[in-house]
Amino acid sequence: MKNKYILICSLFFILLGSCKEEFLEVDSASSVLIDDYYTTEDRIFEALVAAYDPLAWTDYAWGQYTQLNLVSDVMSDDVFVGGNDQGDLPFLHKMFNYEATPEIVCSDLWTTFYSGVKRANAVLEYMDDVQDISESNKELYIAEAKVLRAYYYMWLWKLWGNIPYYETNLDFPYTTTQLTADEVYEGIVTTLEDVIANGGLSIKTTSENTGRVSLAMTYMVYTEVVMYQNDESRYSTALAYMNEIIASHQYILNDDFAGIWEESGEWTKESIFEVNYFSVNGGKDWGSAIGDGGTVYPKLIGINSLSGSDDFDGGWGFEPVRQEAYDLYEDNDQRKNGGILNFATYAAQTGATYEGRYQDTGNFLKKYLPRANGNAGYAGSADMNYNNNLRVYRYAETLLNAAELLARGVSGTGSAQTYLDEVRDRAGVGSITATVDNIIKERHLEFVGEGKRYWDLVRTGMAATVLAPNQYRKNTWTENKKHLPIPQAEMDSDSGLTQNPY
């Protein structure tokens, strides 16, 4: 079930999303210095809620469609970009071909994630002014803000590597030193280590707080950055965190893989972290894309001119799944048709029809297709308010993280074979030997369309071999493609930035 605690609206959200202001410039007796506003728990909680808001902006906020799994997977080997032609969302086509430019890149994510950083920093900045908060809640809110900041920086780091990094919000002229990717990594990982050592987080949130940071979610972010960095010095710690999640028995795999992706599959015991979207009274609109409500991503990847389906709404035909990805699976693997819709099979069952668009394969990402009535009760735009939550971390990834670390020879408890078998048993396929290569292949099968594959290929050194030309991709991935070009608007606004050699 979705808990929409992130519905609190306040003028101060706007303040936190803009450049820092010293006060509200309103000529009235009720004007208040912003430094004097955050003095109660209710008000600092407003700031914390505001720090969560950018999580939901990645689908479409400032004019680009940038849902994180989409942006990641178009650089991988499982999907095409689709749409009408190469001029339709050109930044995605450029990224697909490893020819992004500072002018044509997923620049909106830079804006979104730095907005998140600023809002998280604001919670930390004003917390000492709060007079009526218990120590436990103060500890909890600080921990949440730090983890959110680390999560936003993690994405900036993975996408751009060498970025400005700051833990206190900037004053005019709002510039700071650009750090190397390794320095940014240290900032992220040490922040998470501080939270884990000193925070007040529980391994799992209560049902009324679904969508808020948990200790398990923190462990997953930590392990993701450590494994992406190939930081062997921290592997044993990451493994211990994965084993702690497993030993908690707070998370289990869903029996039905396909059911994970239905509304009834949100925040089940497999889910460690999701980004909440909702349709009822969802107010997102083309003129208010960062409002509360649903997501446009399902519409974006929906089946073009779909007719005769009682299960799905139609859409715009982006992100078709490659036939090679569909063919990876054994026929009895739950994940084959539980996560991917093969239209030929579906048409034979239902009589449904559609019209293919550019790069059409006849395979669609069932995990996030717009369900029929999935935008029921919307108040804004019908297209922008689908209720498909974005699944960020699932327990299956915990098991595969632990299995991989053990297979790499990291000392710790647990069995790589047991963990791998648990994932494959749920899928309905037999056991295979728990080698590192087999576990990476299993991650590929488990997470098609979830934005994991590209980063796995980069961190394992496989990208330059696997990400080669195909019928639509002209270029081969090379090491200098690891970090995208910094958006030109950022380069223009800060003469101290050095462009990535993309």
Protein backbone atom coordinates (compact mmCIF):
# COMPACT_ATOMS: atom_id res chain seq x y z
CA MET A 1 0.00 0.00 0.00
CA LYS A 2 1.16 3.51 -0.69
CA ASN A 3 1.45 5.96 2.13
CA LYS A 4 1.15 9.45 0.83
CA TYR A 5 2.74 11.27 3.70
CA ILE A 6 4.56 13.29 1.03
CA LEU A 7 1.45 15.32 0.42
CA ILE A 8 2.21 18.20 2.76
CA CYS A 9 2.28 21.37 0.70
CA SER A 10 3.94 24.56 1.73
CA LEU A 11 5.22 27.79 0.28
CA PHE A 12 8.52 26.86 1.87
CA PHE A 13 8.97 23.97 -0.57
CA ILE A 14 9.34 26.60 -3.25
CA LEU A 15 11.88 28.45 -1.19
CA LEU A 16 13.92 25.32 -0.65
CA GLY A 17 13.92 24.54 -4.36
CA SER A 18 15.28 27.91 -5.39
CA CYS A 19 18.54 29.68 -4.61
CA LYS A 20 18.88 30.37 -0.92
CA GLU A 21 16.91 33.41 0.23
CA GLU A 22 17.53 35.18 3.50
CA PHE A 23 13.89 36.07 4.02
CA LEU A 24 10.51 36.22 2.37
CA GLU A 25 10.16 39.55 0.68
CA VAL A 26 6.55 40.18 1.61
CA ASP A 27 5.50 43.55 2.96
CA SER A 28 3.17 42.42 5.68
CA ALA A 29 3.10 42.07 9.43
CA SER A 30 3.19 38.31 8.98
CA SER A 31 6.51 38.31 7.11
CA VAL A 32 9.01 36.00 8.73
CA LEU A 33 12.73 35.52 8.35
CA ILE A 34 13.33 32.06 6.93
CA ASP A 35 16.01 31.53 9.57
CA ASP A 36 13.30 32.11 12.17
CA TYR A 37 10.75 29.84 10.55
CA TYR A 38 12.21 26.38 11.13
CA THR A 39 11.97 26.42 14.91
CA THR A 40 9.31 23.73 15.48
CA GLU A 41 9.14 20.05 14.68
CA ASP A 42 6.17 20.52 12.35
CA ARG A 43 8.11 23.04 10.32
CA ILE A 44 11.35 21.06 10.11
CA PHE A 45 9.26 18.08 9.03
CA GLU A 46 7.98 20.25 6.17
CA ALA A 47 11.60 20.71 5.14
CA LEU A 48 12.22 16.96 5.37
CA VAL A 49 9.18 16.21 3.22
CA ALA A 50 10.46 18.74 0.70
CA ALA A 51 13.76 16.83 0.59
CA TYR A 52 11.87 13.71 -0.46
CA ASP A 53 9.94 15.42 -3.26
CA PRO A 54 12.68 15.27 -5.96
CA LEU A 55 12.57 11.47 -5.81
CA ALA A 56 9.33 11.69 -7.80
CA TRP A 57 10.58 14.28 -10.29
CA THR A 58 12.78 11.97 -12.36
CA ASP A 59 9.97 10.89 -14.70
CA TYR A 60 9.37 14.41 -16.01
CA ALA A 61 9.97 17.67 -14.21
CA TRP A 62 11.62 20.34 -16.31
CA GLY A 63 10.80 19.20 -19.86
CA GLN A 64 12.73 15.94 -20.29
CA TYR A 65 11.56 12.36 -19.76
CA THR A 66 14.28 11.06 -17.48
CA GLN A 67 12.94 8.20 -15.36
CA LEU A 68 16.07 6.59 -13.94
CA ASN A 69 15.59 3.10 -15.30
CA LEU A 70 14.90 4.53 -18.78
CA VAL A 71 17.98 6.77 -18.81
CA SER A 72 20.15 3.91 -17.55
CA ASP A 73 18.77 1.22 -19.82
CA VAL A 74 18.99 3.14 -23.10
CA MET A 75 22.76 3.07 -22.55
CA SER A 76 22.62 -0.70 -22.02
CA ASP A 77 21.86 -3.69 -24.26
CA ASP A 78 18.24 -4.54 -23.37
CA VAL A 79 16.11 -1.78 -24.93
CA PHE A 80 15.94 0.69 -27.77
CA VAL A 81 14.76 4.29 -27.43
CA GLY A 82 11.77 4.06 -29.78
CA GLY A 83 9.30 6.88 -30.28
CA ASN A 84 8.75 8.42 -33.68
CA ASP A 85 12.35 8.69 -34.93
CA GLN A 86 15.80 9.78 -33.81
CA GLY A 87 14.55 13.34 -33.47
CA ASP A 88 11.98 12.28 -30.87
CA LEU A 89 13.63 12.83 -27.44
CA PRO A 90 17.04 13.29 -29.10
CA PHE A 91 18.96 13.30 -25.81
CA LEU A 92 17.96 9.66 -25.27
CA HIS A 93 18.99 8.70 -28.80
CA LYS A 94 22.32 10.49 -28.34
CA MET A 95 22.95 8.66 -25.06
CA PHE A 96 21.94 5.36 -26.70
CA ASN A 97 24.66 5.93 -29.34
CA TYR A 98 27.26 7.21 -26.82
CA GLU A 99 27.37 10.57 -28.58
CA ALA A 100 25.72 12.84 -26.03
CA THR A 101 26.83 16.46 -26.03
CA PRO A 102 26.79 19.13 -23.32
CA GLU A 103 23.78 20.62 -25.12
CA ILE A 104 21.96 17.28 -25.65
CA VAL A 105 22.10 15.17 -22.51
CA CYS A 106 19.84 14.32 -19.57
CA SER A 107 20.43 17.74 -18.03
CA ASP A 108 17.16 17.74 -16.09
CA LEU A 109 18.55 15.08 -13.76
CA TRP A 110 21.36 17.46 -12.80
CA THR A 111 18.73 20.03 -11.79
CA THR A 112 16.56 17.49 -9.98
CA PHE A 113 19.33 15.90 -7.95
CA TYR A 114 20.98 19.15 -6.94
CA SER A 115 17.54 20.38 -5.86
CA GLY A 116 17.39 17.29 -3.67
CA VAL A 117 20.86 17.97 -2.26
CA LYS A 118 19.89 21.53 -1.40
CA ARG A 119 16.68 20.49 0.32
CA ALA A 120 18.41 17.77 2.32
CA ASN A 121 21.11 20.21 3.38
CA ALA A 122 18.42 22.66 4.52
CA VAL A 123 17.07 20.10 7.00
CA LEU A 124 20.53 19.74 8.49
CA GLU A 125 21.15 23.49 8.48
CA TYR A 126 18.00 24.40 10.40
CA MET A 127 17.74 21.41 12.72
CA ASP A 128 19.66 23.05 15.57
CA ASP A 129 17.07 25.85 15.68
CA VAL A 130 14.22 23.45 16.41
CA GLN A 131 13.13 23.74 20.04
CA ASP A 132 10.37 21.17 20.55
CA ILE A 133 11.74 18.01 18.94
CA SER A 134 12.66 14.84 20.80
CA GLU A 135 16.21 13.55 20.50
CA SER A 136 14.97 10.40 18.78
CA ASN A 137 13.08 12.33 16.11
CA LYS A 138 15.94 14.75 15.66
CA GLU A 139 18.27 11.81 15.11
CA LEU A 140 15.82 10.21 12.70
CA TYR A 141 15.25 13.32 10.58
CA ILE A 142 18.98 14.01 10.35
CA ALA A 143 19.61 10.43 9.26
CA GLU A 144 16.89 10.60 6.61
CA ALA A 145 18.22 13.88 5.22
CA LYS A 146 21.77 12.53 5.02
CA VAL A 147 20.70 9.35 3.25
CA LEU A 148 18.60 11.31 0.78
CA ARG A 149 21.55 13.58 0.06
CA ALA A 150 23.79 10.55 -0.44
CA TYR A 151 21.25 9.01 -2.79
CA TYR A 152 21.02 12.19 -4.89
CA TYR A 153 24.80 12.46 -5.00
CA MET A 154 25.07 8.78 -5.93
CA TRP A 155 23.13 9.42 -9.12
CA LEU A 156 25.06 12.58 -9.94
CA TRP A 157 28.26 10.61 -9.35
CA LYS A 158 27.26 7.66 -11.52
CA LEU A 159 26.08 9.89 -14.36
CA TRP A 160 28.72 12.63 -14.29
CA GLY A 161 31.48 11.48 -11.95
CA ASN A 162 33.44 14.69 -11.43
CA ILE A 163 30.96 17.07 -9.87
CA PRO A 164 30.61 19.92 -7.36
CA TYR A 165 30.09 18.38 -3.93
CA TYR A 166 29.00 20.28 -0.84
CA GLU A 167 27.38 19.42 2.47
CA THR A 168 26.43 22.99 3.42
CA ASN A 169 24.29 25.01 1.04
CA LEU A 170 26.12 27.56 -1.02
CA ASP A 171 25.93 31.33 -0.82
CA PHE A 172 26.27 33.70 -3.76
CA PRO A 173 27.70 33.10 -6.36
CA TYR A 174 26.63 29.50 -5.63
CA THR A 175 29.78 27.77 -6.83
CA THR A 176 32.17 25.38 -5.14
CA THR A 177 35.09 23.12 -5.95
CA GLN A 178 34.53 20.36 -8.49
CA LEU A 179 35.73 17.09 -6.99
CA THR A 180 37.00 14.02 -8.78
CA ALA A 181 34.74 11.00 -8.95
CA ASP A 182 36.86 9.24 -6.32
CA GLU A 183 36.54 12.20 -3.96
CA VAL A 184 32.78 12.33 -4.47
CA TYR A 185 32.60 8.62 -3.72
CA GLU A 186 34.35 9.17 -0.39
CA GLY A 187 31.87 11.89 0.50
CA ILE A 188 28.94 9.61 -0.25
CA VAL A 189 30.23 6.51 1.46
CA THR A 190 31.47 8.24 4.61
CA THR A 191 28.12 10.01 4.97
CA LEU A 192 26.36 6.66 4.84
CA GLU A 193 28.82 5.17 7.33
CA ASP A 194 28.09 8.05 9.68
CA VAL A 195 24.33 7.48 9.40
CA ILE A 196 24.67 3.76 9.97
CA ALA A 197 26.83 4.34 13.04
CA ASN A 198 24.80 7.18 14.53
CA GLY A 199 21.35 7.29 12.93
CA GLY A 200 18.03 6.29 14.37
CA LEU A 201 16.87 4.23 11.41
CA SER A 202 14.97 0.94 11.66
CA ILE A 203 15.66 -1.98 9.32
CA LYS A 204 12.15 -1.47 7.94
CA THR A 205 9.73 1.44 8.24
CA THR A 206 6.27 1.02 9.68
CA SER A 207 3.39 0.67 7.22
CA GLU A 208 2.27 4.27 7.72
CA ASN A 209 5.73 5.47 6.73
CA THR A 210 6.27 3.55 3.51
CA GLY A 211 8.35 5.71 1.22
CA ARG A 212 10.65 6.98 3.94
CA VAL A 213 14.26 5.97 4.37
CA SER A 214 14.94 2.77 6.28
CA LEU A 215 18.17 1.19 7.47
CA ALA A 216 17.77 -1.53 4.84
CA MET A 217 17.46 1.11 2.11
CA THR A 218 20.60 2.78 3.49
CA TYR A 219 22.44 -0.54 3.36
CA MET A 220 21.39 -0.96 -0.27
CA VAL A 221 22.65 2.49 -1.28
CA TYR A 222 25.92 1.81 0.56
CA THR A 223 26.41 -1.53 -1.16
CA GLU A 224 25.54 -0.09 -4.57
CA VAL A 225 28.16 2.65 -4.37
CA VAL A 226 30.81 0.35 -2.87
CA MET A 227 30.32 -2.31 -5.56
CA TYR A 228 30.18 0.26 -8.36
CA GLN A 229 33.43 1.77 -7.08
CA ASN A 230 34.96 -1.73 -6.83
CA ASP A 231 36.11 -0.73 -3.35
CA GLU A 232 37.33 -4.08 -2.07
CA SER A 233 38.29 -2.55 1.28
CA ARG A 234 34.59 -2.15 2.05
CA TYR A 235 33.26 -5.37 0.53
CA SER A 236 33.15 -7.23 3.84
CA THR A 237 31.14 -4.40 5.42
CA ALA A 238 28.73 -4.39 2.49
CA LEU A 239 28.31 -8.15 2.78
CA ALA A 240 27.61 -7.84 6.50
CA TYR A 241 24.87 -5.30 5.73
CA MET A 242 23.29 -7.60 3.13
CA ASN A 243 23.37 -10.47 5.60
CA GLU A 244 21.80 -8.27 8.26
CA ILE A 245 18.86 -7.57 5.93
CA ILE A 246 18.54 -11.27 5.20
CA ALA A 247 18.78 -12.28 8.86
CA SER A 248 16.15 -9.72 9.87
CA HIS A 249 13.43 -11.79 8.14
CA GLN A 250 11.63 -8.53 7.43
CA TYR A 251 11.92 -9.08 3.68
CA ILE A 252 11.08 -12.08 1.48
CA LEU A 253 10.63 -12.73 -2.22
CA ASN A 254 7.15 -12.51 -3.69
CA ASP A 255 5.97 -15.91 -4.86
CA ASP A 256 4.57 -14.38 -8.05
CA PHE A 257 7.12 -12.34 -10.00
CA ALA A 258 4.50 -10.78 -12.28
CA GLY A 259 2.52 -9.64 -9.24
CA ILE A 260 5.33 -7.38 -8.09
CA TRP A 261 4.47 -4.92 -10.84
CA GLU A 262 0.77 -4.57 -10.12
CA GLU A 263 -0.58 -1.96 -7.72
CA SER A 264 -1.25 -4.79 -5.27
CA GLY A 265 2.48 -5.62 -5.45
CA GLU A 266 3.64 -2.25 -4.14
CA TRP A 267 5.34 -2.25 -0.76
CA THR A 268 5.08 -5.99 -0.31
CA LYS A 269 7.70 -7.81 1.76
CA GLU A 270 10.04 -7.93 -1.24
CA SER A 271 10.16 -4.14 -1.48
CA ILE A 272 12.99 -2.36 0.29
CA PHE A 273 12.46 1.03 -1.34
CA GLU A 274 10.05 2.52 -3.86
CA VAL A 275 9.23 5.98 -5.10
CA ASN A 276 5.53 6.57 -4.46
CA TYR A 277 3.20 7.70 -7.20
CA PHE A 278 -0.61 7.94 -6.92
CA SER A 279 -3.48 8.68 -9.28
CA VAL A 280 -6.45 9.60 -7.08
CA ASN A 281 -6.47 13.40 -6.92
CA GLY A 282 -3.09 13.32 -8.65
CA GLY A 283 -2.44 16.91 -9.60
CA LYS A 284 0.50 16.64 -11.96
CA ASP A 285 -0.06 18.56 -15.16
CA TRP A 286 2.04 19.82 -18.02
CA GLY A 287 2.19 23.20 -16.36
CA SER A 288 2.84 21.74 -12.91
CA ALA A 289 5.05 18.72 -13.44
CA ILE A 290 6.59 18.69 -9.97
CA GLY A 291 3.27 18.63 -8.17
CA ASP A 292 2.01 15.68 -6.15
CA GLY A 293 0.49 12.80 -8.02
CA GLY A 294 1.36 10.11 -10.50
CA THR A 295 3.95 9.47 -13.18
CA VAL A 296 4.01 9.93 -16.95
CA TYR A 297 6.61 7.17 -17.49
CA PRO A 298 4.04 4.37 -18.13
CA LYS A 299 2.37 6.49 -20.81
CA LEU A 300 5.75 7.16 -22.40
CA ILE A 301 6.55 3.45 -22.81
CA GLY A 302 2.96 2.36 -23.45
CA ILE A 303 1.95 0.52 -26.62
CA ASN A 304 1.17 2.83 -29.54
CA SER A 305 -2.42 2.82 -30.85
CA LEU A 306 -3.29 -0.13 -28.65
CA SER A 307 -6.74 -1.60 -29.27
CA GLY A 308 -8.62 -4.56 -27.87
CA SER A 309 -6.82 -4.76 -24.53
CA ASP A 310 -8.62 -4.91 -21.20
CA ASP A 311 -5.31 -4.93 -19.32
CA PHE A 312 -3.36 -1.93 -20.51
CA ASP A 313 -3.83 1.65 -21.67
CA GLY A 314 -2.06 2.73 -24.82
CA GLY A 315 0.98 4.98 -24.94
CA TRP A 316 3.70 6.56 -27.04
CA GLY A 317 5.90 3.60 -27.91
CA PHE A 318 9.21 4.42 -26.24
CA GLU A 319 11.65 1.89 -24.74
CA PRO A 320 10.80 -1.25 -26.74
CA VAL A 321 12.54 -4.29 -25.28
CA ARG A 322 15.02 -5.94 -27.62
CA GLN A 323 14.25 -9.46 -28.86
CA GLU A 324 17.68 -10.52 -27.60
CA ALA A 325 16.62 -9.63 -24.05
CA TYR A 326 13.36 -11.57 -24.35
CA ASP A 327 15.23 -14.59 -25.72
CA LEU A 328 17.59 -14.69 -22.73
CA TYR A 329 15.02 -16.53 -20.65
CA GLU A 330 14.11 -20.16 -20.45
CA ASP A 331 10.51 -20.67 -21.50
CA ASN A 332 9.38 -21.57 -17.97
CA ASP A 333 11.12 -18.60 -16.33
CA GLN A 334 8.49 -16.46 -14.53
CA ARG A 335 10.44 -13.36 -15.45
CA LYS A 336 10.13 -13.86 -19.20
CA ASN A 337 6.44 -13.04 -19.50
CA GLY A 338 6.07 -11.65 -16.00
CA GLY A 339 8.30 -8.69 -16.82
CA ILE A 340 8.08 -8.44 -20.62
CA LEU A 341 4.97 -8.39 -22.81
CA ASN A 342 5.53 -10.23 -26.08
CA PHE A 343 2.77 -8.77 -28.21
CA ALA A 344 2.48 -11.68 -30.63
CA THR A 345 1.65 -13.97 -27.73
CA TYR A 346 -0.64 -11.38 -26.16
CA ALA A 347 -2.48 -10.79 -29.44
CA ALA A 348 -3.06 -14.51 -29.88
CA GLN A 349 -4.64 -14.61 -26.43
CA THR A 350 -6.71 -11.43 -26.63
CA GLY A 351 -7.06 -10.29 -30.24
CA ALA A 352 -5.40 -6.97 -29.33
CA THR A 353 -3.67 -4.88 -31.99
CA TYR A 354 -1.19 -2.00 -32.08
CA GLU A 355 0.86 0.09 -34.49
CA GLY A 356 4.61 -0.20 -34.19
CA ARG A 357 6.76 2.88 -34.00
CA TYR A 358 10.48 3.48 -34.61
CA GLN A 359 12.69 0.58 -33.45
CA ASP A 360 9.62 -1.53 -32.69
CA THR A 361 10.40 -5.08 -31.56
CA GLY A 362 6.98 -6.31 -30.53
CA ASN A 363 8.24 -6.58 -26.94
CA PHE A 364 7.23 -4.12 -24.24
CA LEU A 365 8.34 -3.54 -20.65
CA LYS A 366 5.37 -5.07 -18.86
CA LYS A 367 6.78 -4.09 -15.47
CA TYR A 368 5.80 -0.46 -16.03
CA LEU A 369 3.20 -0.49 -18.80
CA PRO A 370 0.18 1.73 -18.00
CA ARG A 371 -2.45 -0.53 -16.48
CA ALA A 372 -6.08 -0.04 -17.49
CA ASN A 373 -7.55 2.55 -15.12
CA GLY A 374 -4.08 3.01 -13.64
CA ASN A 375 -4.71 6.76 -13.61
CA ALA A 376 -8.19 6.51 -12.09
CA GLY A 377 -9.29 9.58 -10.16
CA TYR A 378 -6.66 11.94 -11.58
CA ALA A 379 -7.19 15.65 -11.04
CA GLY A 380 -4.51 17.00 -13.38
CA SER A 381 -3.46 15.45 -16.68
CA ALA A 382 -4.58 11.88 -17.41
CA ASP A 383 -1.26 11.09 -19.07
CA MET A 384 0.86 12.29 -16.13
CA ASN A 385 -0.88 10.59 -13.22
CA TYR A 386 -0.38 6.84 -13.48
CA ASN A 387 0.06 5.18 -10.12
CA ASN A 388 2.94 2.79 -10.95
CA ASN A 389 5.46 3.11 -8.13
CA LEU A 390 9.12 3.08 -9.17
CA ARG A 391 10.75 0.03 -7.59
CA VAL A 392 14.23 1.10 -6.53
CA TYR A 393 15.49 -1.76 -4.34
CA ARG A 394 14.01 -5.23 -4.05
CA TYR A 395 15.03 -8.07 -1.73
CA ALA A 396 16.11 -10.07 -4.80
CA GLU A 397 18.94 -7.55 -5.20
CA THR A 398 19.96 -8.04 -1.58
CA LEU A 399 20.33 -11.78 -2.20
CA LEU A 400 22.26 -11.28 -5.43
CA ASN A 401 24.53 -8.65 -3.88
CA ALA A 402 25.38 -11.05 -1.06
CA ALA A 403 25.86 -13.92 -3.49
CA GLU A 404 28.22 -11.91 -5.67
CA LEU A 405 30.33 -10.67 -2.78
CA LEU A 406 30.67 -14.20 -1.42
CA ALA A 407 31.51 -15.55 -4.88
CA ARG A 408 34.24 -12.92 -5.11
CA GLY A 409 35.82 -14.47 -2.02
CA VAL A 410 34.72 -11.91 0.55
CA SER A 411 34.82 -13.37 4.04
CA GLY A 412 31.46 -13.50 5.74
CA THR A 413 28.48 -15.60 6.62
CA GLY A 414 25.99 -17.07 4.20
CA SER A 415 26.19 -19.12 1.03
CA ALA A 416 26.40 -17.68 -2.46
CA GLN A 417 24.78 -20.83 -3.81
CA THR A 418 21.87 -20.63 -1.38
CA TYR A 419 21.20 -16.99 -2.17
CA LEU A 420 21.39 -17.51 -5.94
CA ASP A 421 19.18 -20.60 -5.75
CA GLU A 422 16.54 -18.64 -3.82
CA VAL A 423 16.21 -16.14 -6.65
CA ARG A 424 16.16 -18.83 -9.33
CA ASP A 425 13.68 -20.96 -7.40
CA ARG A 426 11.22 -18.09 -7.35
CA ALA A 427 11.71 -17.68 -11.10
CA GLY A 428 10.93 -21.39 -11.58
CA VAL A 429 14.27 -22.39 -13.05
CA GLY A 430 16.90 -24.85 -11.87
CA SER A 431 20.10 -24.33 -9.95
CA ILE A 432 23.33 -23.17 -11.60
CA THR A 433 26.77 -22.85 -10.03
CA ALA A 434 27.21 -19.63 -8.06
CA THR A 435 30.14 -18.15 -9.98
CA VAL A 436 30.56 -14.40 -10.35
CA ASP A 437 29.74 -14.63 -14.07
CA ASN A 438 26.56 -16.61 -13.40
CA ILE A 439 25.44 -14.16 -10.73
CA ILE A 440 25.96 -11.20 -13.09
CA LYS A 441 23.90 -13.08 -15.69
CA GLU A 442 21.22 -13.67 -13.07
CA ARG A 443 21.11 -9.96 -12.27
CA HIS A 444 20.57 -9.39 -15.98
CA LEU A 445 17.57 -11.73 -16.01
CA GLU A 446 16.11 -10.43 -12.76
CA PHE A 447 16.37 -6.72 -13.46
CA VAL A 448 15.57 -6.19 -17.17
CA GLY A 449 14.09 -2.71 -17.45
CA GLU A 450 14.95 -1.73 -13.87
CA GLY A 451 18.03 0.34 -14.66
CA LYS A 452 20.63 -2.04 -13.22
CA ARG A 453 22.23 -3.64 -16.27
CA TYR A 454 24.25 -0.71 -17.63
CA TRP A 455 25.91 -0.01 -14.31
CA ASP A 456 26.72 -3.72 -13.86
CA LEU A 457 28.44 -3.78 -17.24
CA VAL A 458 30.50 -0.70 -16.40
CA ARG A 459 31.60 -1.84 -12.93
CA THR A 460 32.53 -5.35 -14.10
CA GLY A 461 34.58 -4.14 -17.06
CA MET A 462 32.23 -5.79 -19.56
CA ALA A 463 30.81 -2.61 -21.10
CA ALA A 464 33.40 -2.16 -23.86
CA THR A 465 32.77 -5.71 -25.09
CA VAL A 466 29.00 -6.01 -24.65
CA LEU A 467 27.91 -2.50 -25.61
CA ALA A 468 28.81 -2.78 -29.27
CA PRO A 469 27.04 -1.61 -32.44
CA ASN A 470 23.74 -3.23 -33.43
CA GLN A 471 21.13 -2.49 -36.06
CA TYR A 472 20.51 0.95 -34.51
CA ARG A 473 23.56 1.67 -32.37
CA LYS A 474 26.49 2.98 -34.39
CA ASN A 475 29.17 3.29 -31.73
CA THR A 476 30.94 1.09 -29.21
CA TRP A 477 31.12 2.09 -25.55
CA THR A 478 34.60 3.17 -24.45
CA GLU A 479 35.98 4.09 -21.05
CA ASN A 480 35.63 7.82 -21.68
CA LYS A 481 31.85 7.26 -21.99
CA LYS A 482 31.63 6.37 -18.30
CA HIS A 483 30.83 9.97 -17.35
CA LEU A 484 28.37 12.00 -19.40
CA PRO A 485 29.19 15.52 -20.58
CA ILE A 486 28.27 18.11 -17.97
CA PRO A 487 25.28 20.15 -19.19
CA GLN A 488 26.37 23.26 -21.04
CA ALA A 489 24.19 25.53 -18.93
CA GLU A 490 26.19 24.45 -15.87
CA MET A 491 29.49 25.02 -17.68
CA ASP A 492 28.32 28.50 -18.67
CA SER A 493 27.30 29.39 -15.13
CA ASP A 494 30.51 28.21 -13.45
CA SER A 495 33.80 28.94 -15.18
CA GLY A 496 35.57 26.75 -12.63
CA LEU A 497 34.04 23.52 -13.96
CA THR A 498 36.14 21.18 -16.10
CA GLN A 499 34.19 19.31 -18.76
CA ASN A 500 34.27 15.51 -18.80
CA PRO A 501 36.24 14.08 -21.78
CA TYR A 502 33.22 12.24 -23.15
